[in-house]
Amino acid sequence: MRRKEREITDKEKIFSIMNNCEAGVIGLIDQGEPYTIPINLISMYQDGKFVLFFHSASKGKKLNLIEKNPKISFSMFTDTHFILNDEKGVPTMKYRSVCGKGIATIINQDENTAVLKLLMCKYAPDSNFEVTDKMGKIVKIVRIDVEEIYGKSNIIEKSNDY
């Protein structure tokens, strides 16, 4: 990372940024070419490792590409705002971001409903919407076991909490 002063290595801070992101982007390979797509996702930190989950239609390009090559990249960002004149008198963008690489797996359909419930808790925490087993049977859930992860911020930390 060129701007080492912006690098975030603390796993708790990285996890906090991930949980504050509304969406992310995954990168896959399509016949040797990059293919990116935005996703809704949830992040977990299990046994010292980051894990991401996102949902998908039961068929389509994204799943086909994952089945051909499970290597995946991802990025997400939050707290963005443009500053016209910073302390140096130049334009800049303030942000917090996380990016990384991992291996994608389409999980067992028996686990889909539980992950869908977690997604609903993130995106509609005040809703009484009920996720049913029937819903879990009509979607696919992809798990990303993160192998590399990087955090970066251009926002001065005001407290210990991101």
Foldseek 3Di string as FASTA:
>chain_A
DVPVVFWDDPPVQVLLFQLPFQKKKKWFADPNDIDIDIFGWHWDQPPNFIKIKTKAFPDDDVVVRCVVPQKMKMKTKDPWDWDPQDPPGHIDIWIKMKIAIFGKDFDDLVCQQVRVVVSCCSPPVPDPDHRDSVNSVRMIMMMTGTDDMIIGGPDDDPDPHD
